[in-house]
Amino acid sequence: MGFIGTQQLVLILLIVLVLFGAKRVPELAKGLGAGIREFKKAAKEIQQDAALDTAKQASEISPSSESNSNGDKELS
């Protein structure tokens, strides 16, 4: 349960064909493909932005501002 088998996939495709017609199905598939492509592009940009933010935050932490074993700030 959870995976679509061959018979279910064929049935779904036949229903879509009957509902929308043979001329409309390629247009729907093209639109669906463009939507998926745009979603992947946006997700990739978000991941890159998050990686840059993480790297920027890591570079902002300087070694001189870390605490020593006593919990006091080190004097430079």
PDB file of N, CA and C in Angstrom:
ATOM      1  N   MET A   1       0.839  -1.172   0.000  1.00  0.00           N
ATOM      2  CA  MET A   1       0.000   0.000   0.000  1.00  0.00           C
ATOM      3  C   MET A   1       0.884   1.236   0.000  1.00  0.00           C
ATOM      4  N   GLY A   2       0.572   2.212  -0.816  1.00  0.00           N
ATOM      5  CA  GLY A   2       1.402   3.402  -0.871  1.00  0.00           C
ATOM      6  C   GLY A   2       2.003   3.615  -2.240  1.00  0.00           C
ATOM      7  N   PHE A   3       2.305   2.537  -2.946  1.00  0.00           N
ATOM      8  CA  PHE A   3       2.851   2.657  -4.281  1.00  0.00           C
ATOM      9  C   PHE A   3       1.747   2.429  -5.308  1.00  0.00           C
ATOM     10  N   ILE A   4       1.820   3.165  -6.401  1.00  0.00           N
ATOM     11  CA  ILE A   4       0.833   3.004  -7.463  1.00  0.00           C
ATOM     12  C   ILE A   4       1.329   1.929  -8.413  1.00  0.00           C
ATOM     13  N   GLY A   5       0.495   0.931  -8.634  1.00  0.00           N
ATOM     14  CA  GLY A   5       0.846  -0.150  -9.543  1.00  0.00           C
ATOM     15  C   GLY A   5       0.549   0.235 -10.978  1.00  0.00           C
ATOM     16  N   THR A   6       0.904  -0.642 -11.886  1.00  0.00           N
ATOM     17  CA  THR A   6       0.715  -0.393 -13.311  1.00  0.00           C
ATOM     18  C   THR A   6      -0.762  -0.256 -13.658  1.00  0.00           C
ATOM     19  N   GLN A   7      -1.586  -1.128 -13.116  1.00  0.00           N
ATOM     20  CA  GLN A   7      -3.013  -1.081 -13.417  1.00  0.00           C
ATOM     21  C   GLN A   7      -3.645   0.220 -12.919  1.00  0.00           C
ATOM     22  N   GLN A   8      -3.276   0.656 -11.734  1.00  0.00           N
ATOM     23  CA  GLN A   8      -3.819   1.898 -11.193  1.00  0.00           C
ATOM     24  C   GLN A   8      -3.358   3.097 -12.026  1.00  0.00           C
ATOM     25  N   LEU A   9      -2.115   3.074 -12.458  1.00  0.00           N
ATOM     26  CA  LEU A   9      -1.585   4.154 -13.272  1.00  0.00           C
ATOM     27  C   LEU A   9      -2.308   4.239 -14.613  1.00  0.00           C
ATOM     28  N   VAL A  10      -2.547   3.106 -15.258  1.00  0.00           N
ATOM     29  CA  VAL A  10      -3.277   3.074 -16.522  1.00  0.00           C
ATOM     30  C   VAL A  10      -4.695   3.592 -16.324  1.00  0.00           C
ATOM     31  N   LEU A  11      -5.344   3.194 -15.253  1.00  0.00           N
ATOM     32  CA  LEU A  11      -6.696   3.657 -14.965  1.00  0.00           C
ATOM     33  C   LEU A  11      -6.739   5.172 -14.765  1.00  0.00           C
ATOM     34  N   ILE A  12      -5.786   5.708 -14.038  1.00  0.00           N
ATOM     35  CA  ILE A  12      -5.714   7.153 -13.811  1.00  0.00           C
ATOM     36  C   ILE A  12      -5.498   7.883 -15.129  1.00  0.00           C
ATOM     37  N   LEU A  13      -4.596   7.373 -15.962  1.00  0.00           N
ATOM     38  CA  LEU A  13      -4.341   8.010 -17.258  1.00  0.00           C
ATOM     39  C   LEU A  13      -5.572   7.987 -18.152  1.00  0.00           C
ATOM     40  N   LEU A  14      -6.320   6.877 -18.138  1.00  0.00           N
ATOM     41  CA  LEU A  14      -7.552   6.795 -18.928  1.00  0.00           C
ATOM     42  C   LEU A  14      -8.598   7.804 -18.437  1.00  0.00           C
ATOM     43  N   ILE A  15      -8.732   7.947 -17.136  1.00  0.00           N
ATOM     44  CA  ILE A  15      -9.685   8.909 -16.575  1.00  0.00           C
ATOM     45  C   ILE A  15      -9.292  10.329 -16.969  1.00  0.00           C
ATOM     46  N   VAL A  16      -8.009  10.646 -16.883  1.00  0.00           N
ATOM     47  CA  VAL A  16      -7.535  11.975 -17.273  1.00  0.00           C
ATOM     48  C   VAL A  16      -7.809  12.213 -18.758  1.00  0.00           C
ATOM     49  N   LEU A  17      -7.564  11.202 -19.580  1.00  0.00           N
ATOM     50  CA  LEU A  17      -7.808  11.319 -21.020  1.00  0.00           C
ATOM     51  C   LEU A  17      -9.284  11.570 -21.317  1.00  0.00           C
ATOM     52  N   VAL A  18     -10.162  10.869 -20.621  1.00  0.00           N
ATOM     53  CA  VAL A  18     -11.594  11.051 -20.832  1.00  0.00           C
ATOM     54  C   VAL A  18     -12.051  12.427 -20.349  1.00  0.00           C
ATOM     55  N   LEU A  19     -11.555  12.861 -19.212  1.00  0.00           N
ATOM     56  CA  LEU A  19     -11.980  14.138 -18.648  1.00  0.00           C
ATOM     57  C   LEU A  19     -11.497  15.344 -19.464  1.00  0.00           C
ATOM     58  N   PHE A  20     -10.250  15.308 -19.903  1.00  0.00           N
ATOM     59  CA  PHE A  20      -9.652  16.480 -20.534  1.00  0.00           C
ATOM     60  C   PHE A  20      -9.520  16.381 -22.047  1.00  0.00           C
ATOM     61  N   GLY A  21      -9.538  15.210 -22.606  1.00  0.00           N
ATOM     62  CA  GLY A  21      -9.389  15.053 -24.051  1.00  0.00           C
ATOM     63  C   GLY A  21      -7.940  14.921 -24.460  1.00  0.00           C
ATOM     64  N   ALA A  22      -7.737  14.350 -25.641  1.00  0.00           N
ATOM     65  CA  ALA A  22      -6.386  14.054 -26.125  1.00  0.00           C
ATOM     66  C   ALA A  22      -5.574  15.314 -26.420  1.00  0.00           C
ATOM     67  N   LYS A  23      -6.232  16.388 -26.828  1.00  0.00           N
ATOM     68  CA  LYS A  23      -5.502  17.621 -27.159  1.00  0.00           C
ATOM     69  C   LYS A  23      -5.047  18.374 -25.918  1.00  0.00           C
ATOM     70  N   ARG A  24      -5.760  18.234 -24.843  1.00  0.00           N
ATOM     71  CA  ARG A  24      -5.479  19.002 -23.625  1.00  0.00           C
ATOM     72  C   ARG A  24      -4.422  18.338 -22.731  1.00  0.00           C
ATOM     73  N   VAL A  25      -4.284  17.018 -22.809  1.00  0.00           N
ATOM     74  CA  VAL A  25      -3.360  16.297 -21.931  1.00  0.00           C
ATOM     75  C   VAL A  25      -1.905  16.762 -22.106  1.00  0.00           C
ATOM     76  N   PRO A  26      -1.374  16.927 -23.342  1.00  0.00           N
ATOM     77  CA  PRO A  26       0.011  17.416 -23.466  1.00  0.00           C
ATOM     78  C   PRO A  26       0.219  18.805 -22.865  1.00  0.00           C
ATOM     79  N   GLU A  27      -0.792  19.667 -22.972  1.00  0.00           N
ATOM     80  CA  GLU A  27      -0.686  20.995 -22.371  1.00  0.00           C
ATOM     81  C   GLU A  27      -0.628  20.898 -20.851  1.00  0.00           C
ATOM     82  N   LEU A  28      -1.426  20.014 -20.286  1.00  0.00           N
ATOM     83  CA  LEU A  28      -1.412  19.815 -18.828  1.00  0.00           C
ATOM     84  C   LEU A  28      -0.067  19.270 -18.366  1.00  0.00           C
ATOM     85  N   ALA A  29       0.473  18.316 -19.128  1.00  0.00           N
ATOM     86  CA  ALA A  29       1.770  17.731 -18.769  1.00  0.00           C
ATOM     87  C   ALA A  29       2.874  18.778 -18.858  1.00  0.00           C
ATOM     88  N   LYS A  30       2.810  19.630 -19.879  1.00  0.00           N
ATOM     89  CA  LYS A  30       3.811  20.684 -20.030  1.00  0.00           C
ATOM     90  C   LYS A  30       3.753  21.663 -18.854  1.00  0.00           C
ATOM     91  N   GLY A  31       2.544  22.037 -18.469  1.00  0.00           N
ATOM     92  CA  GLY A  31       2.378  22.938 -17.325  1.00  0.00           C
ATOM     93  C   GLY A  31       2.848  22.309 -16.025  1.00  0.00           C
ATOM     94  N   LEU A  32       2.550  21.030 -15.859  1.00  0.00           N
ATOM     95  CA  LEU A  32       3.001  20.313 -14.658  1.00  0.00           C
ATOM     96  C   LEU A  32       4.525  20.242 -14.605  1.00  0.00           C
ATOM     97  N   GLY A  33       5.142  19.974 -15.754  1.00  0.00           N
ATOM     98  CA  GLY A  33       6.601  19.920 -15.822  1.00  0.00           C
ATOM     99  C   GLY A  33       7.236  21.258 -15.491  1.00  0.00           C
ATOM    100  N   ALA A  34       6.653  22.336 -16.007  1.00  0.00           N
ATOM    101  CA  ALA A  34       7.177  23.673 -15.722  1.00  0.00           C
ATOM    102  C   ALA A  34       7.039  24.003 -14.233  1.00  0.00           C
ATOM    103  N   GLY A  35       5.932  23.595 -13.637  1.00  0.00           N
ATOM    104  CA  GLY A  35       5.737  23.836 -12.207  1.00  0.00           C
ATOM    105  C   GLY A  35       6.736  23.078 -11.350  1.00  0.00           C
ATOM    106  N   ILE A  36       6.984  21.837 -11.704  1.00  0.00           N
ATOM    107  CA  ILE A  36       7.966  21.030 -10.962  1.00  0.00           C
ATOM    108  C   ILE A  36       9.354  21.623 -11.112  1.00  0.00           C
ATOM    109  N   ARG A  37       9.698  22.043 -12.318  1.00  0.00           N
ATOM    110  CA  ARG A  37      11.014  22.638 -12.579  1.00  0.00           C
ATOM    111  C   ARG A  37      11.190  23.911 -11.744  1.00  0.00           C
ATOM    112  N   GLU A  38      10.167  24.757 -11.694  1.00  0.00           N
ATOM    113  CA  GLU A  38      10.227  25.995 -10.915  1.00  0.00           C
ATOM    114  C   GLU A  38      10.356  25.700  -9.417  1.00  0.00           C
ATOM    115  N   PHE A  39       9.638  24.683  -8.942  1.00  0.00           N
ATOM    116  CA  PHE A  39       9.720  24.298  -7.534  1.00  0.00           C
ATOM    117  C   PHE A  39      11.125  23.833  -7.175  1.00  0.00           C
ATOM    118  N   LYS A  40      11.722  23.004  -8.033  1.00  0.00           N
ATOM    119  CA  LYS A  40      13.080  22.521  -7.771  1.00  0.00           C
ATOM    120  C   LYS A  40      14.083  23.669  -7.775  1.00  0.00           C
ATOM    121  N   LYS A  41      13.893  24.618  -8.690  1.00  0.00           N
ATOM    122  CA  LYS A  41      14.789  25.774  -8.755  1.00  0.00           C
ATOM    123  C   LYS A  41      14.707  26.593  -7.467  1.00  0.00           C
ATOM    124  N   ALA A  42      13.492  26.836  -6.997  1.00  0.00           N
ATOM    125  CA  ALA A  42      13.307  27.607  -5.763  1.00  0.00           C
ATOM    126  C   ALA A  42      13.890  26.872  -4.555  1.00  0.00           C
ATOM    127  N   ALA A  43      13.693  25.555  -4.505  1.00  0.00           N
ATOM    128  CA  ALA A  43      14.238  24.777  -3.394  1.00  0.00           C
ATOM    129  C   ALA A  43      15.764  24.815  -3.398  1.00  0.00           C
ATOM    130  N   LYS A  44      16.354  24.759  -4.585  1.00  0.00           N
ATOM    131  CA  LYS A  44      17.814  24.804  -4.695  1.00  0.00           C
ATOM    132  C   LYS A  44      18.343  26.166  -4.243  1.00  0.00           C
ATOM    133  N   GLU A  45      17.644  27.242  -4.619  1.00  0.00           N
ATOM    134  CA  GLU A  45      18.059  28.586  -4.196  1.00  0.00           C
ATOM    135  C   GLU A  45      17.968  28.751  -2.687  1.00  0.00           C
ATOM    136  N   ILE A  46      16.940  28.201  -2.085  1.00  0.00           N
ATOM    137  CA  ILE A  46      16.786  28.282  -0.631  1.00  0.00           C
ATOM    138  C   ILE A  46      17.915  27.533   0.066  1.00  0.00           C
ATOM    139  N   GLN A  47      18.274  26.361  -0.453  1.00  0.00           N
ATOM    140  CA  GLN A  47      19.374  25.596   0.137  1.00  0.00           C
ATOM    141  C   GLN A  47      20.689  26.353   0.020  1.00  0.00           C
ATOM    142  N   GLN A  48      20.922  26.992  -1.132  1.00  0.00           N
ATOM    143  CA  GLN A  48      22.155  27.754  -1.314  1.00  0.00           C
ATOM    144  C   GLN A  48      22.195  28.959  -0.380  1.00  0.00           C
ATOM    145  N   ASP A  49      21.068  29.649  -0.236  1.00  0.00           N
ATOM    146  CA  ASP A  49      21.010  30.789   0.677  1.00  0.00           C
ATOM    147  C   ASP A  49      21.259  30.362   2.121  1.00  0.00           C
ATOM    148  N   ALA A  50      20.686  29.233   2.506  1.00  0.00           N
ATOM    149  CA  ALA A  50      20.888  28.733   3.867  1.00  0.00           C
ATOM    150  C   ALA A  50      22.353  28.369   4.093  1.00  0.00           C
ATOM    151  N   ALA A  51      22.983  27.770   3.098  1.00  0.00           N
ATOM    152  CA  ALA A  51      24.399  27.403   3.224  1.00  0.00           C
ATOM    153  C   ALA A  51      25.268  28.654   3.332  1.00  0.00           C
ATOM    154  N   LEU A  52      24.947  29.683   2.554  1.00  0.00           N
ATOM    155  CA  LEU A  52      25.712  30.931   2.631  1.00  0.00           C
ATOM    156  C   LEU A  52      25.530  31.612   3.980  1.00  0.00           C
ATOM    157  N   ASP A  53      24.306  31.624   4.496  1.00  0.00           N
ATOM    158  CA  ASP A  53      24.049  32.219   5.804  1.00  0.00           C
ATOM    159  C   ASP A  53      24.805  31.484   6.905  1.00  0.00           C
ATOM    160  N   THR A  54      24.822  30.162   6.826  1.00  0.00           N
ATOM    161  CA  THR A  54      25.539  29.360   7.819  1.00  0.00           C
ATOM    162  C   THR A  54      27.027  29.643   7.757  1.00  0.00           C
ATOM    163  N   ALA A  55      27.578  29.731   6.558  1.00  0.00           N
ATOM    164  CA  ALA A  55      29.007  30.015   6.399  1.00  0.00           C
ATOM    165  C   ALA A  55      29.327  31.424   6.892  1.00  0.00           C
ATOM    166  N   LYS A  56      28.433  32.371   6.626  1.00  0.00           N
ATOM    167  CA  LYS A  56      28.653  33.740   7.066  1.00  0.00           C
ATOM    168  C   LYS A  56      28.637  33.831   8.590  1.00  0.00           C
ATOM    169  N   GLN A  57      27.695  33.145   9.219  1.00  0.00           N
ATOM    170  CA  GLN A  57      27.619  33.148  10.674  1.00  0.00           C
ATOM    171  C   GLN A  57      28.839  32.482  11.291  1.00  0.00           C
ATOM    172  N   ALA A  58      29.331  31.425  10.677  1.00  0.00           N
ATOM    173  CA  ALA A  58      30.507  30.736  11.203  1.00  0.00           C
ATOM    174  C   ALA A  58      31.751  31.615  11.089  1.00  0.00           C
ATOM    175  N   SER A  59      31.841  32.413  10.013  1.00  0.00           N
ATOM    176  CA  SER A  59      33.009  33.276   9.847  1.00  0.00           C
ATOM    177  C   SER A  59      32.956  34.498  10.762  1.00  0.00           C
ATOM    178  N   GLU A  60      31.748  34.875  11.211  1.00  0.00           N
ATOM    179  CA  GLU A  60      31.623  36.025  12.100  1.00  0.00           C
ATOM    180  C   GLU A  60      32.078  35.708  13.516  1.00  0.00           C
ATOM    181  N   ILE A  61      32.095  34.450  13.892  1.00  0.00           N
ATOM    182  CA  ILE A  61      32.544  34.060  15.224  1.00  0.00           C
ATOM    183  C   ILE A  61      34.065  34.040  15.213  1.00  0.00           C
ATOM    184  N   SER A  62      34.658  34.937  15.964  1.00  0.00           N
ATOM    185  CA  SER A  62      36.119  35.010  15.984  1.00  0.00           C
ATOM    186  C   SER A  62      36.661  34.206  17.160  1.00  0.00           C
ATOM    187  N   PRO A  63      37.857  33.660  17.020  1.00  0.00           N
ATOM    188  CA  PRO A  63      38.444  32.863  18.105  1.00  0.00           C
ATOM    189  C   PRO A  63      38.682  33.663  19.375  1.00  0.00           C
ATOM    190  N   SER A  64      38.911  34.984  19.282  1.00  0.00           N
ATOM    191  CA  SER A  64      39.200  35.778  20.472  1.00  0.00           C
ATOM    192  C   SER A  64      37.963  36.011  21.331  1.00  0.00           C
ATOM    193  N   SER A  65      36.772  35.789  20.782  1.00  0.00           N
ATOM    194  CA  SER A  65      35.569  36.019  21.571  1.00  0.00           C
ATOM    195  C   SER A  65      35.088  34.755  22.277  1.00  0.00           C
ATOM    196  N   GLU A  66      35.779  33.645  22.090  1.00  0.00           N
ATOM    197  CA  GLU A  66      35.393  32.411  22.763  1.00  0.00           C
ATOM    198  C   GLU A  66      35.866  32.443  24.218  1.00  0.00           C
ATOM    199  N   SER A  67      35.180  31.729  25.072  1.00  0.00           N
ATOM    200  CA  SER A  67      35.517  31.700  26.492  1.00  0.00           C
ATOM    201  C   SER A  67      36.647  30.718  26.749  1.00  0.00           C
ATOM    202  N   ASN A  68      37.444  30.988  27.790  1.00  0.00           N
ATOM    203  CA  ASN A  68      38.473  30.035  28.186  1.00  0.00           C
ATOM    204  C   ASN A  68      37.882  29.043  29.187  1.00  0.00           C
ATOM    205  N   SER A  69      38.691  28.206  29.778  1.00  0.00           N
ATOM    206  CA  SER A  69      38.182  27.155  30.650  1.00  0.00           C
ATOM    207  C   SER A  69      37.525  27.696  31.924  1.00  0.00           C
ATOM    208  N   ASN A  70      37.850  28.926  32.341  1.00  0.00           N
ATOM    209  CA  ASN A  70      37.238  29.522  33.533  1.00  0.00           C
ATOM    210  C   ASN A  70      35.896  30.167  33.234  1.00  0.00           C
ATOM    211  N   GLY A  71      35.532  30.272  31.985  1.00  0.00           N
ATOM    212  CA  GLY A  71      34.279  30.900  31.621  1.00  0.00           C
ATOM    213  C   GLY A  71      34.395  32.388  31.429  1.00  0.00           C
ATOM    214  N   ASP A  72      35.619  32.944  31.586  1.00  0.00           N
ATOM    215  CA  ASP A  72      35.854  34.376  31.392  1.00  0.00           C
ATOM    216  C   ASP A  72      36.259  34.602  29.953  1.00  0.00           C
ATOM    217  N   LYS A  73      36.044  35.833  29.496  1.00  0.00           N
ATOM    218  CA  LYS A  73      36.492  36.222  28.157  1.00  0.00           C
ATOM    219  C   LYS A  73      38.006  36.355  28.195  1.00  0.00           C
ATOM    220  N   GLU A  74      38.617  35.912  27.090  1.00  0.00           N
ATOM    221  CA  GLU A  74      40.061  36.077  26.995  1.00  0.00           C
ATOM    222  C   GLU A  74      40.392  37.518  26.649  1.00  0.00           C
ATOM    223  N   LEU A  75      41.473  37.996  27.165  1.00  0.00           N
ATOM    224  CA  LEU A  75      41.939  39.339  26.865  1.00  0.00           C
ATOM    225  C   LEU A  75      42.950  39.265  25.747  1.00  0.00           C
ATOM    226  N   SER A  76      42.779  40.113  24.746  1.00  0.00           N
ATOM    227  CA  SER A  76      43.688  40.088  23.598  1.00  0.00           C
ATOM    228  C   SER A  76      44.762  41.117  23.757  1.00  0.00           C
TER     229      SER A  76
END
